[in-house]
PDB file of N, CA and C in Angstrom:
ATOM      1  N   MET A   1     109.442  85.926  96.376  1.00  0.00           N
ATOM      2  CA  MET A   1     108.693  85.254  96.418  1.00  0.00           C
ATOM      3  C   MET A   1     108.073  84.282  96.212  1.00  0.00           C
ATOM      4  N   SER A   2     107.216  83.229  96.990  1.00  0.00           N
ATOM      5  CA  SER A   2     107.009  82.531  97.178  1.00  0.00           C
ATOM      6  C   SER A   2     106.169  81.726  96.104  1.00  0.00           C
ATOM      7  N   PRO A   3     107.014  80.688  95.524  1.00  0.00           N
ATOM      8  CA  PRO A   3     105.824  80.172  94.230  1.00  0.00           C
ATOM      9  C   PRO A   3     104.385  80.071  94.271  1.00  0.00           C
ATOM     10  N   GLU A   4     104.411  79.454  95.502  1.00  0.00           N
ATOM     11  CA  GLU A   4     102.602  78.818  96.105  1.00  0.00           C
ATOM     12  C   GLU A   4     101.867  80.382  96.180  1.00  0.00           C
ATOM     13  N   ILE A   5     102.515  81.514  96.225  1.00  0.00           N
ATOM     14  CA  ILE A   5     101.718  82.419  96.694  1.00  0.00           C
ATOM     15  C   ILE A   5     101.382  83.131  95.343  1.00  0.00           C
ATOM     16  N   ALA A   6     103.241  82.755  94.451  1.00  0.00           N
ATOM     17  CA  ALA A   6     102.567  83.566  93.001  1.00  0.00           C
ATOM     18  C   ALA A   6     101.761  83.331  92.424  1.00  0.00           C
ATOM     19  N   GLU A   7     101.414  81.488  92.025  1.00  0.00           N
ATOM     20  CA  GLU A   7     100.618  81.005  91.463  1.00  0.00           C
ATOM     21  C   GLU A   7      99.305  80.777  92.091  1.00  0.00           C
ATOM     22  N   SER A   8      99.436  80.753  93.227  1.00  0.00           N
ATOM     23  CA  SER A   8      98.090  80.367  93.848  1.00  0.00           C
ATOM     24  C   SER A   8      96.724  81.305  92.559  1.00  0.00           C
ATOM     25  N   ARG A   9      95.958  80.655  92.769  1.00  0.00           N
ATOM     26  CA  ARG A   9      94.267  81.733  92.235  1.00  0.00           C
ATOM     27  C   ARG A   9      93.756  82.563  92.990  1.00  0.00           C
ATOM     28  N   TYR A  10      94.162  82.147  94.555  1.00  0.00           N
ATOM     29  CA  TYR A  10      93.151  83.219  95.368  1.00  0.00           C
ATOM     30  C   TYR A  10      94.611  82.913  96.466  1.00  0.00           C
ATOM     31  N   VAL A  11      94.510  84.091  97.084  1.00  0.00           N
ATOM     32  CA  VAL A  11      95.282  84.377  98.056  1.00  0.00           C
ATOM     33  C   VAL A  11      94.411  85.060  99.454  1.00  0.00           C
ATOM     34  N   SER A  12      94.261  84.695 100.576  1.00  0.00           N
ATOM     35  CA  SER A  12      94.186  85.223 101.686  1.00  0.00           C
ATOM     36  C   SER A  12      95.255  86.524 101.985  1.00  0.00           C
ATOM     37  N   LEU A  13      94.357  87.811 102.006  1.00  0.00           N
ATOM     38  CA  LEU A  13      94.945  88.991 102.414  1.00  0.00           C
ATOM     39  C   LEU A  13      94.231  89.452 103.709  1.00  0.00           C
ATOM     40  N   THR A  14      95.048  89.385 104.720  1.00  0.00           N
ATOM     41  CA  THR A  14      94.785  89.598 106.248  1.00  0.00           C
ATOM     42  C   THR A  14      95.222  91.283 106.176  1.00  0.00           C
ATOM     43  N   THR A  15      94.042  91.674 106.449  1.00  0.00           N
ATOM     44  CA  THR A  15      94.754  93.042 106.898  1.00  0.00           C
ATOM     45  C   THR A  15      94.199  93.606 108.247  1.00  0.00           C
ATOM     46  N   PHE A  16      94.463  94.520 108.894  1.00  0.00           N
ATOM     47  CA  PHE A  16      94.502  94.423 110.722  1.00  0.00           C
ATOM     48  C   PHE A  16      93.419  96.128 110.871  1.00  0.00           C
ATOM     49  N   LYS A  17      92.180  96.009 112.069  1.00  0.00           N
ATOM     50  CA  LYS A  17      92.357  97.083 112.356  1.00  0.00           C
ATOM     51  C   LYS A  17      93.112  97.534 113.116  1.00  0.00           C
ATOM     52  N   ARG A  18      92.873  99.325 113.664  1.00  0.00           N
ATOM     53  CA  ARG A  18      92.949  99.782 114.120  1.00  0.00           C
ATOM     54  C   ARG A  18      93.529  99.363 116.052  1.00  0.00           C
ATOM     55  N   ASP A  19      92.510  98.064 116.240  1.00  0.00           N
ATOM     56  CA  ASP A  19      92.595  98.005 117.011  1.00  0.00           C
ATOM     57  C   ASP A  19      93.562  96.640 117.332  1.00  0.00           C
ATOM     58  N   GLY A  20      93.951  96.304 116.116  1.00  0.00           N
ATOM     59  CA  GLY A  20      94.713  94.959 115.980  1.00  0.00           C
ATOM     60  C   GLY A  20      94.103  93.375 115.282  1.00  0.00           C
ATOM     61  N   THR A  21      92.560  93.432 115.713  1.00  0.00           N
ATOM     62  CA  THR A  21      92.185  92.448 115.180  1.00  0.00           C
ATOM     63  C   THR A  21      92.528  92.324 113.829  1.00  0.00           C
ATOM     64  N   ALA A  22      92.818  90.825 113.787  1.00  0.00           N
ATOM     65  CA  ALA A  22      92.938  90.442 111.804  1.00  0.00           C
ATOM     66  C   ALA A  22      91.129  90.744 110.690  1.00  0.00           C
ATOM     67  N   VAL A  23      91.780  90.376 109.574  1.00  0.00           N
ATOM     68  CA  VAL A  23      90.210  90.148 108.886  1.00  0.00           C
ATOM     69  C   VAL A  23      90.726  90.022 107.739  1.00  0.00           C
ATOM     70  N   ALA A  24      90.631  88.799 107.725  1.00  0.00           N
ATOM     71  CA  ALA A  24      91.074  88.015 105.973  1.00  0.00           C
ATOM     72  C   ALA A  24      89.937  87.459 104.889  1.00  0.00           C
ATOM     73  N   THR A  25      90.858  88.002 103.903  1.00  0.00           N
ATOM     74  CA  THR A  25      89.825  87.914 102.692  1.00  0.00           C
ATOM     75  C   THR A  25      89.772  87.301 101.942  1.00  0.00           C
ATOM     76  N   PRO A  26      89.479  86.200 101.043  1.00  0.00           N
ATOM     77  CA  PRO A  26      90.266  86.201 100.014  1.00  0.00           C
ATOM     78  C   PRO A  26      89.817  87.128  98.424  1.00  0.00           C
ATOM     79  N   VAL A  27      91.162  86.787  97.956  1.00  0.00           N
ATOM     80  CA  VAL A  27      91.028  87.810  96.774  1.00  0.00           C
ATOM     81  C   VAL A  27      92.017  87.165  95.266  1.00  0.00           C
ATOM     82  N   TRP A  28      92.140  87.979  94.552  1.00  0.00           N
ATOM     83  CA  TRP A  28      92.649  87.373  93.293  1.00  0.00           C
ATOM     84  C   TRP A  28      94.117  88.284  93.627  1.00  0.00           C
ATOM     85  N   ALA A  29      95.203  87.613  92.827  1.00  0.00           N
ATOM     86  CA  ALA A  29      96.231  88.747  93.001  1.00  0.00           C
ATOM     87  C   ALA A  29      97.348  87.699  92.410  1.00  0.00           C
ATOM     88  N   VAL A  30      97.991  88.035  92.006  1.00  0.00           N
ATOM     89  CA  VAL A  30      98.913  88.038  90.897  1.00  0.00           C
ATOM     90  C   VAL A  30     100.356  88.851  91.234  1.00  0.00           C
ATOM     91  N   GLU A  31     101.323  88.296  90.882  1.00  0.00           N
ATOM     92  CA  GLU A  31     103.436  88.290  90.906  1.00  0.00           C
ATOM     93  C   GLU A  31     103.414  89.479  89.689  1.00  0.00           C
ATOM     94  N   ASP A  32     103.899  91.029  90.565  1.00  0.00           N
ATOM     95  CA  ASP A  32     104.038  91.688  89.016  1.00  0.00           C
ATOM     96  C   ASP A  32     105.633  92.252  89.439  1.00  0.00           C
ATOM     97  N   ASP A  33     106.570  91.994  89.029  1.00  0.00           N
ATOM     98  CA  ASP A  33     107.818  93.364  89.112  1.00  0.00           C
ATOM     99  C   ASP A  33     108.432  93.082  90.982  1.00  0.00           C
ATOM    100  N   GLY A  34     108.231  91.840  90.984  1.00  0.00           N
ATOM    101  CA  GLY A  34     108.226  91.594  92.835  1.00  0.00           C
ATOM    102  C   GLY A  34     107.062  92.470  94.181  1.00  0.00           C
ATOM    103  N   GLU A  35     106.068  92.914  93.190  1.00  0.00           N
ATOM    104  CA  GLU A  35     104.818  92.683  94.443  1.00  0.00           C
ATOM    105  C   GLU A  35     103.955  92.126  93.748  1.00  0.00           C
ATOM    106  N   LEU A  36     103.080  91.640  94.946  1.00  0.00           N
ATOM    107  CA  LEU A  36     101.484  91.131  94.647  1.00  0.00           C
ATOM    108  C   LEU A  36     100.765  91.690  94.289  1.00  0.00           C
ATOM    109  N   LEU A  37      99.946  92.019  94.026  1.00  0.00           N
ATOM    110  CA  LEU A  37      98.941  92.706  93.293  1.00  0.00           C
ATOM    111  C   LEU A  37      97.551  92.736  93.221  1.00  0.00           C
ATOM    112  N   VAL A  38      96.583  93.497  94.245  1.00  0.00           N
ATOM    113  CA  VAL A  38      95.248  92.893  94.380  1.00  0.00           C
ATOM    114  C   VAL A  38      94.139  94.134  93.703  1.00  0.00           C
ATOM    115  N   TRP A  39      93.645  93.563  92.917  1.00  0.00           N
ATOM    116  CA  TRP A  39      92.083  94.961  92.478  1.00  0.00           C
ATOM    117  C   TRP A  39      91.030  94.939  93.818  1.00  0.00           C
ATOM    118  N   THR A  40      90.684  95.814  93.652  1.00  0.00           N
ATOM    119  CA  THR A  40      89.508  96.009  94.478  1.00  0.00           C
ATOM    120  C   THR A  40      88.807  96.889  94.911  1.00  0.00           C
ATOM    121  N   ARG A  41      87.335  97.050  95.411  1.00  0.00           N
ATOM    122  CA  ARG A  41      86.924  98.771  95.638  1.00  0.00           C
ATOM    123  C   ARG A  41      87.283  99.489  95.809  1.00  0.00           C
ATOM    124  N   ASP A  42      87.050 100.752  95.776  1.00  0.00           N
ATOM    125  CA  ASP A  42      88.099 101.763  96.580  1.00  0.00           C
ATOM    126  C   ASP A  42      87.092 102.096  98.001  1.00  0.00           C
ATOM    127  N   ASP A  43      85.772 101.265  97.620  1.00  0.00           N
ATOM    128  CA  ASP A  43      85.176 101.830  99.401  1.00  0.00           C
ATOM    129  C   ASP A  43      84.915 100.094  99.625  1.00  0.00           C
ATOM    130  N   SER A  44      86.144  99.788  99.599  1.00  0.00           N
ATOM    131  CA  SER A  44      85.539  97.937 100.861  1.00  0.00           C
ATOM    132  C   SER A  44      86.786  98.191 101.908  1.00  0.00           C
ATOM    133  N   GLY A  45      86.400  97.507 102.754  1.00  0.00           N
ATOM    134  CA  GLY A  45      87.155  97.246 104.450  1.00  0.00           C
ATOM    135  C   GLY A  45      88.466  97.542 104.088  1.00  0.00           C
ATOM    136  N   LYS A  46      89.065  96.457 103.373  1.00  0.00           N
ATOM    137  CA  LYS A  46      90.101  96.227 103.402  1.00  0.00           C
ATOM    138  C   LYS A  46      91.086  97.341 102.767  1.00  0.00           C
ATOM    139  N   VAL A  47      90.242  98.345 102.083  1.00  0.00           N
ATOM    140  CA  VAL A  47      91.162  99.882 101.474  1.00  0.00           C
ATOM    141  C   VAL A  47      91.060 101.031 102.912  1.00  0.00           C
ATOM    142  N   LYS A  48      90.522 100.331 103.196  1.00  0.00           N
ATOM    143  CA  LYS A  48      89.428 101.216 104.921  1.00  0.00           C
ATOM    144  C   LYS A  48      91.118 100.806 105.602  1.00  0.00           C
ATOM    145  N   ARG A  49      91.157  99.725 106.089  1.00  0.00           N
ATOM    146  CA  ARG A  49      92.130  98.981 107.050  1.00  0.00           C
ATOM    147  C   ARG A  49      93.756  98.816 106.289  1.00  0.00           C
ATOM    148  N   VAL A  50      94.539  99.362 105.513  1.00  0.00           N
ATOM    149  CA  VAL A  50      95.662 100.124 104.699  1.00  0.00           C
ATOM    150  C   VAL A  50      95.761 101.012 104.477  1.00  0.00           C
ATOM    151  N   ARG A  51      94.642 101.916 104.788  1.00  0.00           N
ATOM    152  CA  ARG A  51      94.935 103.088 104.661  1.00  0.00           C
ATOM    153  C   ARG A  51      95.200 103.433 106.215  1.00  0.00           C
ATOM    154  N   ASN A  52      94.966 102.786 107.287  1.00  0.00           N
ATOM    155  CA  ASN A  52      94.609 102.808 108.450  1.00  0.00           C
ATOM    156  C   ASN A  52      96.238 102.158 109.264  1.00  0.00           C
ATOM    157  N   GLY A  53      97.124 101.048 108.102  1.00  0.00           N
ATOM    158  CA  GLY A  53      98.304 100.520 108.470  1.00  0.00           C
ATOM    159  C   GLY A  53      98.162  99.952 107.600  1.00  0.00           C
ATOM    160  N   ALA A  54      99.640  99.149 107.126  1.00  0.00           N
ATOM    161  CA  ALA A  54     100.499  98.969 106.302  1.00  0.00           C
ATOM    162  C   ALA A  54     100.538  97.723 106.369  1.00  0.00           C
ATOM    163  N   ARG A  55     100.458  96.921 107.669  1.00  0.00           N
ATOM    164  CA  ARG A  55     100.902  95.399 108.001  1.00  0.00           C
ATOM    165  C   ARG A  55      99.778  94.684 107.347  1.00  0.00           C
ATOM    166  N   VAL A  56     100.640  93.811 106.706  1.00  0.00           N
ATOM    167  CA  VAL A  56      99.227  92.491 105.741  1.00  0.00           C
ATOM    168  C   VAL A  56     100.026  91.808 106.481  1.00  0.00           C
ATOM    169  N   THR A  57      99.181  89.956 105.862  1.00  0.00           N
ATOM    170  CA  THR A  57      99.436  88.612 105.515  1.00  0.00           C
ATOM    171  C   THR A  57      99.083  88.315 104.539  1.00  0.00           C
ATOM    172  N   VAL A  58      99.748  87.014 103.747  1.00  0.00           N
ATOM    173  CA  VAL A  58      99.199  86.594 102.957  1.00  0.00           C
ATOM    174  C   VAL A  58      99.426  85.267 102.887  1.00  0.00           C
ATOM    175  N   THR A  59      98.703  84.555 102.473  1.00  0.00           N
ATOM    176  CA  THR A  59      98.521  82.877 102.985  1.00  0.00           C
ATOM    177  C   THR A  59      97.944  82.259 101.397  1.00  0.00           C
ATOM    178  N   PRO A  60      97.967  81.647 100.552  1.00  0.00           N
ATOM    179  CA  PRO A  60      97.746  80.481 100.017  1.00  0.00           C
ATOM    180  C   PRO A  60      96.301  80.111  99.923  1.00  0.00           C
ATOM    181  N   CYS A  61      95.333  80.350  99.447  1.00  0.00           N
ATOM    182  CA  CYS A  61      93.946  79.778  99.848  1.00  0.00           C
ATOM    183  C   CYS A  61      92.529  79.510  98.915  1.00  0.00           C
ATOM    184  N   ASP A  62      91.475  78.687  98.752  1.00  0.00           N
ATOM    185  CA  ASP A  62      91.030  78.489  98.010  1.00  0.00           C
ATOM    186  C   ASP A  62      89.874  80.009  97.870  1.00  0.00           C
ATOM    187  N   VAL A  63      89.153  79.506  96.577  1.00  0.00           N
ATOM    188  CA  VAL A  63      88.339  80.515  96.535  1.00  0.00           C
ATOM    189  C   VAL A  63      87.392  81.414  98.358  1.00  0.00           C
ATOM    190  N   ARG A  64      87.271  80.803  99.387  1.00  0.00           N
ATOM    191  CA  ARG A  64      86.252  80.709 100.587  1.00  0.00           C
ATOM    192  C   ARG A  64      87.182  80.575 101.495  1.00  0.00           C
ATOM    193  N   GLY A  65      88.311  80.959 101.009  1.00  0.00           N
ATOM    194  CA  GLY A  65      89.170  81.770 101.683  1.00  0.00           C
ATOM    195  C   GLY A  65      89.685  80.773 103.169  1.00  0.00           C
ATOM    196  N   ARG A  66      90.181  79.356 102.692  1.00  0.00           N
ATOM    197  CA  ARG A  66      90.695  78.157 103.768  1.00  0.00           C
ATOM    198  C   ARG A  66      91.692  77.755 103.129  1.00  0.00           C
ATOM    199  N   THR A  67      92.647  78.242 103.796  1.00  0.00           N
ATOM    200  CA  THR A  67      93.791  78.209 103.499  1.00  0.00           C
ATOM    201  C   THR A  67      94.477  75.977 104.002  1.00  0.00           C
ATOM    202  N   ALA A  68      95.574  75.964 103.075  1.00  0.00           N
ATOM    203  CA  ALA A  68      96.144  74.005 103.007  1.00  0.00           C
ATOM    204  C   ALA A  68      96.705  74.151 104.638  1.00  0.00           C
ATOM    205  N   GLU A  69      96.381  73.083 105.008  1.00  0.00           N
ATOM    206  CA  GLU A  69      97.481  72.265 106.310  1.00  0.00           C
ATOM    207  C   GLU A  69      98.283  73.119 106.236  1.00  0.00           C
ATOM    208  N   GLY A  70      98.750  73.334 107.586  1.00  0.00           N
ATOM    209  CA  GLY A  70     100.329  73.827 107.277  1.00  0.00           C
ATOM    210  C   GLY A  70     100.749  74.684 106.225  1.00  0.00           C
ATOM    211  N   ALA A  71     100.147  75.460 106.020  1.00  0.00           N
ATOM    212  CA  ALA A  71      99.892  77.125 105.240  1.00  0.00           C
ATOM    213  C   ALA A  71     100.627  77.902 105.717  1.00  0.00           C
ATOM    214  N   GLU A  72     101.809  78.680 105.653  1.00  0.00           N
ATOM    215  CA  GLU A  72     102.303  79.541 106.792  1.00  0.00           C
ATOM    216  C   GLU A  72     101.684  81.394 106.216  1.00  0.00           C
ATOM    217  N   PRO A  73     101.296  82.206 106.849  1.00  0.00           N
ATOM    218  CA  PRO A  73     100.938  82.893 106.437  1.00  0.00           C
ATOM    219  C   PRO A  73     102.497  84.197 106.109  1.00  0.00           C
ATOM    220  N   VAL A  74     102.665  84.816 105.591  1.00  0.00           N
ATOM    221  CA  VAL A  74     103.746  85.883 105.068  1.00  0.00           C
ATOM    222  C   VAL A  74     103.401  87.088 105.626  1.00  0.00           C
ATOM    223  N   GLU A  75     104.216  87.869 106.269  1.00  0.00           N
ATOM    224  CA  GLU A  75     104.042  89.257 106.568  1.00  0.00           C
ATOM    225  C   GLU A  75     103.931  90.196 104.959  1.00  0.00           C
ATOM    226  N   GLY A  76     103.444  90.570 105.218  1.00  0.00           N
ATOM    227  CA  GLY A  76     104.249  91.832 104.037  1.00  0.00           C
ATOM    228  C   GLY A  76     103.637  93.334 104.438  1.00  0.00           C
ATOM    229  N   THR A  77     103.680  94.468 103.471  1.00  0.00           N
ATOM    230  CA  THR A  77     103.639  95.842 103.592  1.00  0.00           C
ATOM    231  C   THR A  77     102.625  96.127 102.419  1.00  0.00           C
ATOM    232  N   ALA A  78     101.331  96.613 102.490  1.00  0.00           N
ATOM    233  CA  ALA A  78     100.884  97.111 101.581  1.00  0.00           C
ATOM    234  C   ALA A  78     100.260  98.405 101.252  1.00  0.00           C
ATOM    235  N   ARG A  79     100.280  99.055 100.280  1.00  0.00           N
ATOM    236  CA  ARG A  79     100.248 100.793 100.007  1.00  0.00           C
ATOM    237  C   ARG A  79      99.356 100.201  99.064  1.00  0.00           C
ATOM    238  N   LEU A  80      97.857 101.576  98.944  1.00  0.00           N
ATOM    239  CA  LEU A  80      97.518 101.847  97.964  1.00  0.00           C
ATOM    240  C   LEU A  80      97.932 102.472  96.948  1.00  0.00           C
ATOM    241  N   MET A  81      97.385 101.737  95.431  1.00  0.00           N
ATOM    242  CA  MET A  81      97.729 102.648  93.954  1.00  0.00           C
ATOM    243  C   MET A  81      96.149 103.239  93.511  1.00  0.00           C
ATOM    244  N   THR A  82      96.237 104.316  93.624  1.00  0.00           N
ATOM    245  CA  THR A  82      95.184 105.053  93.175  1.00  0.00           C
ATOM    246  C   THR A  82      94.985 105.951  91.833  1.00  0.00           C
ATOM    247  N   GLU A  83      96.711 105.948  91.279  1.00  0.00           N
ATOM    248  CA  GLU A  83      97.110 106.480  89.963  1.00  0.00           C
ATOM    249  C   GLU A  83      96.878 105.879  88.580  1.00  0.00           C
ATOM    250  N   GLU A  84      96.711 106.614  87.756  1.00  0.00           N
ATOM    251  CA  GLU A  84      95.908 106.146  86.324  1.00  0.00           C
ATOM    252  C   GLU A  84      97.166 104.943  86.731  1.00  0.00           C
ATOM    253  N   GLY A  85      98.538 105.531  86.522  1.00  0.00           N
ATOM    254  CA  GLY A  85      99.879 104.219  85.818  1.00  0.00           C
ATOM    255  C   GLY A  85      99.511 103.129  86.689  1.00  0.00           C
ATOM    256  N   GLY A  86      98.788 103.462  88.541  1.00  0.00           N
ATOM    257  CA  GLY A  86      99.420 102.126  88.722  1.00  0.00           C
ATOM    258  C   GLY A  86      98.486 101.317  88.547  1.00  0.00           C
ATOM    259  N   LEU A  87      97.144 101.725  88.167  1.00  0.00           N
ATOM    260  CA  LEU A  87      95.453 101.304  88.162  1.00  0.00           C
ATOM    261  C   LEU A  87      96.139 100.293  86.555  1.00  0.00           C
ATOM    262  N   ARG A  88      96.324 101.047  85.990  1.00  0.00           N
ATOM    263  CA  ARG A  88      96.591  99.734  84.468  1.00  0.00           C
ATOM    264  C   ARG A  88      97.276  99.128  84.419  1.00  0.00           C
ATOM    265  N   ARG A  89      99.207  99.217  85.693  1.00  0.00           N
ATOM    266  CA  ARG A  89      99.364  98.651  85.957  1.00  0.00           C
ATOM    267  C   ARG A  89      98.844  97.009  85.948  1.00  0.00           C
ATOM    268  N   VAL A  90      98.071  97.198  87.377  1.00  0.00           N
ATOM    269  CA  VAL A  90      97.413  96.281  87.939  1.00  0.00           C
ATOM    270  C   VAL A  90      95.989  95.437  87.112  1.00  0.00           C
ATOM    271  N   ARG A  91      95.618  96.168  86.650  1.00  0.00           N
ATOM    272  CA  ARG A  91      94.545  95.766  85.108  1.00  0.00           C
ATOM    273  C   ARG A  91      95.043  94.856  84.240  1.00  0.00           C
ATOM    274  N   ARG A  92      95.886  95.598  83.499  1.00  0.00           N
ATOM    275  CA  ARG A  92      96.952  94.727  82.946  1.00  0.00           C
ATOM    276  C   ARG A  92      97.543  93.249  82.823  1.00  0.00           C
ATOM    277  N   ALA A  93      97.982  93.511  84.579  1.00  0.00           N
ATOM    278  CA  ALA A  93      98.406  92.078  85.236  1.00  0.00           C
ATOM    279  C   ALA A  93      97.525  91.364  85.579  1.00  0.00           C
ATOM    280  N   MET A  94      96.751  91.627  86.483  1.00  0.00           N
ATOM    281  CA  MET A  94      94.867  90.958  86.351  1.00  0.00           C
ATOM    282  C   MET A  94      94.336  90.454  84.988  1.00  0.00           C
ATOM    283  N   ALA A  95      94.034  91.543  83.975  1.00  0.00           N
ATOM    284  CA  ALA A  95      94.064  90.155  82.712  1.00  0.00           C
ATOM    285  C   ALA A  95      94.907  89.099  82.269  1.00  0.00           C
ATOM    286  N   ARG A  96      96.517  89.390  82.606  1.00  0.00           N
ATOM    287  CA  ARG A  96      97.279  88.314  81.692  1.00  0.00           C
ATOM    288  C   ARG A  96      96.871  87.504  82.695  1.00  0.00           C
ATOM    289  N   LYS A  97      96.850  87.348  84.415  1.00  0.00           N
ATOM    290  CA  LYS A  97      96.479  86.239  84.849  1.00  0.00           C
ATOM    291  C   LYS A  97      95.243  85.308  84.740  1.00  0.00           C
ATOM    292  N   TYR A  98      94.391  86.227  85.177  1.00  0.00           N
ATOM    293  CA  TYR A  98      92.722  85.746  85.279  1.00  0.00           C
ATOM    294  C   TYR A  98      91.928  86.013  83.852  1.00  0.00           C
ATOM    295  N   GLY A  99      92.500  86.452  82.406  1.00  0.00           N
ATOM    296  CA  GLY A  99      91.960  86.548  81.684  1.00  0.00           C
ATOM    297  C   GLY A  99      90.980  86.983  81.811  1.00  0.00           C
ATOM    298  N   TRP A 100      89.617  86.091  80.457  1.00  0.00           N
ATOM    299  CA  TRP A 100      88.101  86.184  80.379  1.00  0.00           C
ATOM    300  C   TRP A 100      87.565  86.898  81.391  1.00  0.00           C
ATOM    301  N   GLN A 101      88.036  85.620  82.664  1.00  0.00           N
ATOM    302  CA  GLN A 101      87.193  86.321  83.944  1.00  0.00           C
ATOM    303  C   GLN A 101      87.333  87.603  84.359  1.00  0.00           C
ATOM    304  N   PHE A 102      88.579  88.078  84.531  1.00  0.00           N
ATOM    305  CA  PHE A 102      89.124  89.376  85.124  1.00  0.00           C
ATOM    306  C   PHE A 102      88.017  90.609  83.954  1.00  0.00           C
ATOM    307  N   ARG A 103      88.692  90.299  82.832  1.00  0.00           N
ATOM    308  CA  ARG A 103      87.826  91.419  82.201  1.00  0.00           C
ATOM    309  C   ARG A 103      86.506  91.455  81.951  1.00  0.00           C
ATOM    310  N   MET A 104      85.869  90.231  82.216  1.00  0.00           N
ATOM    311  CA  MET A 104      84.300  90.640  82.792  1.00  0.00           C
ATOM    312  C   MET A 104      83.938  91.110  83.885  1.00  0.00           C
ATOM    313  N   THR A 105      84.390  91.171  84.985  1.00  0.00           N
ATOM    314  CA  THR A 105      84.627  91.067  86.164  1.00  0.00           C
ATOM    315  C   THR A 105      84.679  93.132  86.379  1.00  0.00           C
ATOM    316  N   ASP A 106      85.489  93.324  85.086  1.00  0.00           N
ATOM    317  CA  ASP A 106      86.449  94.553  85.477  1.00  0.00           C
ATOM    318  C   ASP A 106      85.270  95.456  84.436  1.00  0.00           C
ATOM    319  N   GLY A 107      85.257  94.831  83.174  1.00  0.00           N
ATOM    320  CA  GLY A 107      84.826  95.544  82.216  1.00  0.00           C
ATOM    321  C   GLY A 107      82.478  95.298  82.026  1.00  0.00           C
ATOM    322  N   GLY A 108      82.509  94.249  82.982  1.00  0.00           N
ATOM    323  CA  GLY A 108      81.243  94.281  83.322  1.00  0.00           C
ATOM    324  C   GLY A 108      80.346  95.410  84.311  1.00  0.00           C
ATOM    325  N   GLY A 109      81.816  95.262  85.557  1.00  0.00           N
ATOM    326  CA  GLY A 109      81.212  96.441  86.240  1.00  0.00           C
ATOM    327  C   GLY A 109      80.640  97.406  85.959  1.00  0.00           C
ATOM    328  N   ALA A 110      82.375  98.471  85.231  1.00  0.00           N
ATOM    329  CA  ALA A 110      82.232  99.608  84.701  1.00  0.00           C
ATOM    330  C   ALA A 110      80.873  99.822  83.525  1.00  0.00           C
ATOM    331  N   LEU A 111      80.243  99.321  83.153  1.00  0.00           N
ATOM    332  CA  LEU A 111      79.726  99.228  82.504  1.00  0.00           C
ATOM    333  C   LEU A 111      78.073  99.561  83.283  1.00  0.00           C
ATOM    334  N   LEU A 112      77.829  98.650  84.521  1.00  0.00           N
ATOM    335  CA  LEU A 112      76.911  99.081  85.208  1.00  0.00           C
ATOM    336  C   LEU A 112      77.248 100.549  86.541  1.00  0.00           C
ATOM    337  N   ARG A 113      78.466 101.470  86.105  1.00  0.00           N
ATOM    338  CA  ARG A 113      78.880 101.787  87.148  1.00  0.00           C
ATOM    339  C   ARG A 113      78.251 103.003  85.885  1.00  0.00           C
ATOM    340  N   LEU A 114      78.163 102.846  84.983  1.00  0.00           N
ATOM    341  CA  LEU A 114      78.305 103.811  83.461  1.00  0.00           C
ATOM    342  C   LEU A 114      79.849 104.221  83.583  1.00  0.00           C
ATOM    343  N   GLY A 115      80.847 103.559  83.565  1.00  0.00           N
ATOM    344  CA  GLY A 115      81.849 103.925  82.862  1.00  0.00           C
ATOM    345  C   GLY A 115      83.040 104.283  83.975  1.00  0.00           C
ATOM    346  N   LYS A 116      82.274 104.296  84.910  1.00  0.00           N
ATOM    347  CA  LYS A 116      82.988 104.835  86.245  1.00  0.00           C
ATOM    348  C   LYS A 116      83.519 102.994  86.632  1.00  0.00           C
ATOM    349  N   ARG A 117      85.227 103.353  86.934  1.00  0.00           N
ATOM    350  CA  ARG A 117      85.618 102.375  87.049  1.00  0.00           C
ATOM    351  C   ARG A 117      85.954 102.897  89.046  1.00  0.00           C
ATOM    352  N   PRO A 118      84.930 102.797  90.285  1.00  0.00           N
ATOM    353  CA  PRO A 118      85.919 103.228  91.676  1.00  0.00           C
ATOM    354  C   PRO A 118      86.824 102.021  92.101  1.00  0.00           C
ATOM    355  N   HIS A 119      87.195 101.574  91.560  1.00  0.00           N
ATOM    356  CA  HIS A 119      88.977 100.900  91.869  1.00  0.00           C
ATOM    357  C   HIS A 119      89.990 100.823  92.752  1.00  0.00           C
ATOM    358  N   VAL A 120      90.421 100.527  92.936  1.00  0.00           N
ATOM    359  CA  VAL A 120      92.454 100.705  93.952  1.00  0.00           C
ATOM    360  C   VAL A 120      92.670  99.529  93.299  1.00  0.00           C
ATOM    361  N   GLY A 121      94.213  99.933  93.263  1.00  0.00           N
ATOM    362  CA  GLY A 121      95.218  98.749  93.431  1.00  0.00           C
ATOM    363  C   GLY A 121      95.899  98.843  94.874  1.00  0.00           C
ATOM    364  N   ILE A 122      95.803  97.478  95.101  1.00  0.00           N
ATOM    365  CA  ILE A 122      97.500  97.080  96.734  1.00  0.00           C
ATOM    366  C   ILE A 122      98.437  96.953  96.435  1.00  0.00           C
ATOM    367  N   ALA A 123      99.409  96.589  96.287  1.00  0.00           N
ATOM    368  CA  ALA A 123     100.530  96.302  95.965  1.00  0.00           C
ATOM    369  C   ALA A 123     101.211  95.940  97.376  1.00  0.00           C
ATOM    370  N   VAL A 124     101.926  94.856  97.491  1.00  0.00           N
ATOM    371  CA  VAL A 124     101.712  94.031  98.691  1.00  0.00           C
ATOM    372  C   VAL A 124     102.882  93.505  98.455  1.00  0.00           C
ATOM    373  N   THR A 125     104.222  94.050  99.431  1.00  0.00           N
ATOM    374  CA  THR A 125     106.008  93.590  98.945  1.00  0.00           C
ATOM    375  C   THR A 125     105.732  92.852 100.479  1.00  0.00           C
ATOM    376  N   LEU A 126     106.397  91.732  99.987  1.00  0.00           N
ATOM    377  CA  LEU A 126     106.621  90.464 100.805  1.00  0.00           C
ATOM    378  C   LEU A 126     107.907  90.159 101.357  1.00  0.00           C
TER     379      LEU A 126
END
């Protein structure tokens, strides 16, 4: 995995609709054990698209999804992580990289949802 992707605060995760249309979303992502891990709600469009097809691309970007001039997307394969062990792995890795910001997002959201965490991890192999 390139250092640009591993160290980027945000990456543009591009998933594909059934008709092949690309949909790019800026997300937090963290490298862990050779995979790029993403944390997202289980009802998000990107989860639906990954369920329909594992092909993704990843490009370093800013918070608004703008990629640097000349940044090349890297092809990858995504899989959903829904089991408790996988979710713990993603949560720990995100907390390590994003610290209090991730804890506030994850914990605050759980409080609003009465303790429920309707999230999944996405593991991307590049």
